[in-house]
Amino acid sequence: MPIANAWVFTETKFKADEFLTNTGNMYRLVSQRPYASKKEPDEIGVTLTLSITKDNTDYGSDKKTGLKRDNNILNTFDVTILNGKEHIPIQKGEYVRLIDFIQEKSFIIGFDLILRFKDVEKINVQTK
C-alpha cells in the first residue's frame, strides 16, 4: 500500500527569480480585485490578473512532434499582492513590476500556482 497523504512530506517550489528574469518582470494588468485571507483576516491585499509580455525561456521541443514548444507571451496568471491595500492605482492595460516574492505564502497545487508578493509598481513602457 502506498504512503497515505504523501503530500504532507513533499515540497514543490516556484522558481520566482528565474521566472521574473526570463519574463523581464514586466506584465500588463488585466484586472484587479480585493483579497482577504480566510485564515488571517488582517492579511489583506489585491489579486491581480497579469498578462506576460516577454518570455526568454527555452522550453525545448515536443518529443512527439519535434516542434518547438510555445512560450508564455500573452498568457495570463494571477498573483496576490499582500501590501495591506485592496486596490492599486494602476489602470487596466498599464504595465507593472512585481516586488519581493513571498516564498512561505506561495503554493503549487497540481498545476495551479498561488503566488504572493509584497508589492507591485507601475512602470512606464514606450509603445509604438
Protein backbone atom coordinates (compact mmCIF):
# COMPACT_ATOMS: atom_id res chain seq x y z
CA MET A 1 0.00 0.00 0.00
CA PRO A 2 1.44 3.46 -0.90
CA ILE A 3 2.02 6.18 1.68
CA ALA A 4 -1.26 7.90 2.51
CA ASN A 5 -1.30 11.70 2.39
CA ALA A 6 2.21 11.81 0.92
CA TRP A 7 1.69 15.48 0.08
CA VAL A 8 2.48 16.29 3.72
CA PHE A 9 6.07 15.21 3.06
CA THR A 10 6.55 16.71 -0.40
CA GLU A 11 7.51 20.20 -1.38
CA THR A 12 7.32 21.98 -4.70
CA LYS A 13 8.75 25.46 -5.07
CA PHE A 14 8.17 28.13 -7.67
CA LYS A 15 11.44 29.45 -9.10
CA ALA A 16 10.42 33.09 -8.78
CA ASP A 17 13.81 34.62 -9.55
CA GLU A 18 14.14 32.61 -12.77
CA PHE A 19 10.55 33.43 -13.81
CA LEU A 20 10.98 37.15 -13.13
CA THR A 21 14.30 37.24 -15.02
CA ASN A 22 13.02 35.28 -18.04
CA THR A 23 9.90 37.42 -18.32
CA GLY A 24 11.72 40.70 -17.70
CA ASN A 25 9.49 41.28 -14.64
CA MET A 26 7.15 43.31 -16.85
CA TYR A 27 3.47 42.39 -17.09
CA ARG A 28 0.31 44.04 -18.35
CA LEU A 29 -2.53 44.48 -15.87
CA VAL A 30 -5.70 42.69 -16.98
CA SER A 31 -7.78 43.07 -13.81
CA GLN A 32 -7.67 43.50 -10.04
CA ARG A 33 -9.91 42.51 -7.16
CA PRO A 34 -9.66 42.82 -3.35
CA TYR A 35 -8.14 39.94 -1.38
CA ALA A 36 -8.61 38.99 2.27
CA SER A 37 -7.20 35.82 3.79
CA LYS A 38 -9.80 33.49 5.30
CA LYS A 39 -7.27 32.14 7.81
CA GLU A 40 -5.73 35.51 8.73
CA PRO A 41 -8.39 38.27 8.35
CA ASP A 42 -5.79 41.02 8.93
CA GLU A 43 -3.92 39.86 5.83
CA ILE A 44 -5.41 41.94 3.03
CA GLY A 45 -4.25 42.93 -0.40
CA VAL A 46 -5.21 42.77 -4.03
CA THR A 47 -5.26 39.89 -6.50
CA LEU A 48 -4.06 40.85 -9.96
CA THR A 49 -4.52 39.06 -13.25
CA LEU A 50 -1.46 39.82 -15.35
CA SER A 51 -0.54 39.13 -18.97
CA ILE A 52 3.02 38.05 -19.77
CA THR A 53 4.64 40.42 -22.28
CA LYS A 54 8.07 38.80 -22.65
CA ASP A 55 9.42 35.27 -22.22
CA ASN A 56 13.02 34.27 -22.91
CA THR A 57 12.64 30.73 -21.54
CA ASP A 58 13.70 27.83 -23.76
CA TYR A 59 11.01 25.19 -23.26
CA GLY A 60 12.66 22.72 -25.63
CA SER A 61 10.85 20.66 -28.23
CA ASP A 62 7.82 18.39 -28.06
CA LYS A 63 9.02 14.76 -28.03
CA LYS A 64 6.18 13.51 -30.23
CA THR A 65 6.11 16.21 -32.91
CA GLY A 66 9.63 17.60 -32.68
CA LEU A 67 8.15 21.11 -32.82
CA LYS A 68 9.48 23.84 -30.54
CA ARG A 69 7.23 24.38 -27.51
CA ASP A 70 5.39 27.70 -27.39
CA ASN A 71 6.35 30.42 -24.91
CA ASN A 72 4.06 32.13 -22.39
CA ILE A 73 3.73 35.51 -24.12
CA LEU A 74 0.10 36.74 -23.89
CA ASN A 75 -0.76 34.04 -21.32
CA THR A 76 -2.24 35.29 -18.05
CA PHE A 77 -1.65 34.38 -14.42
CA ASP A 78 -2.88 35.58 -11.02
CA VAL A 79 -0.75 36.97 -8.20
CA THR A 80 -1.77 38.31 -4.83
CA ILE A 81 -0.09 41.44 -3.53
CA LEU A 82 -0.06 41.46 0.29
CA ASN A 83 0.51 45.18 0.80
CA GLY A 84 -2.48 45.99 3.02
CA LYS A 85 -4.33 47.74 0.17
CA GLU A 86 -7.46 46.39 -1.51
CA HIS A 87 -6.87 48.42 -4.68
CA ILE A 88 -3.84 49.73 -6.54
CA PRO A 89 -3.87 53.00 -8.52
CA ILE A 90 -2.98 51.28 -11.79
CA GLN A 91 -5.37 51.02 -14.73
CA LYS A 92 -6.19 48.02 -16.88
CA GLY A 93 -3.67 47.79 -19.73
CA GLU A 94 -0.85 49.52 -17.85
CA TYR A 95 2.43 47.75 -17.11
CA VAL A 96 3.65 46.61 -13.70
CA ARG A 97 6.66 45.07 -11.99
CA LEU A 98 6.35 42.60 -9.10
CA ILE A 99 8.32 43.25 -5.91
CA ASP A 100 9.57 40.77 -3.27
CA PHE A 101 8.23 37.24 -3.79
CA ILE A 102 6.92 35.67 -0.56
CA GLN A 103 8.00 32.02 -0.78
CA GLU A 104 6.44 30.94 2.53
CA LYS A 105 2.97 32.17 1.50
CA SER A 106 3.10 30.84 -2.09
CA PHE A 107 2.00 27.36 -3.12
CA ILE A 108 1.79 25.00 -6.06
CA ILE A 109 -1.17 22.62 -6.05
CA GLY A 110 -1.13 20.36 -9.07
CA PHE A 111 -0.55 22.82 -11.90
CA ASP A 112 -2.17 25.74 -10.05
CA LEU A 113 0.15 28.49 -8.86
CA ILE A 114 -0.77 30.55 -5.80
CA LEU A 115 1.80 33.33 -5.90
CA ARG A 116 2.21 36.04 -3.27
CA PHE A 117 4.32 39.21 -3.50
CA LYS A 118 4.88 42.08 -1.06
CA ASP A 119 4.19 44.83 -3.57
CA VAL A 120 3.78 45.91 -7.18
CA GLU A 121 4.71 49.09 -9.01
CA LYS A 122 3.64 50.73 -12.23
CA ILE A 123 6.31 51.01 -14.91
CA ASN A 124 6.26 53.27 -17.92
CA VAL A 125 6.65 51.47 -21.23
CA GLN A 126 7.15 53.17 -24.57
CA THR A 127 4.63 51.71 -27.01
CA LYS A 128 4.91 52.29 -30.73
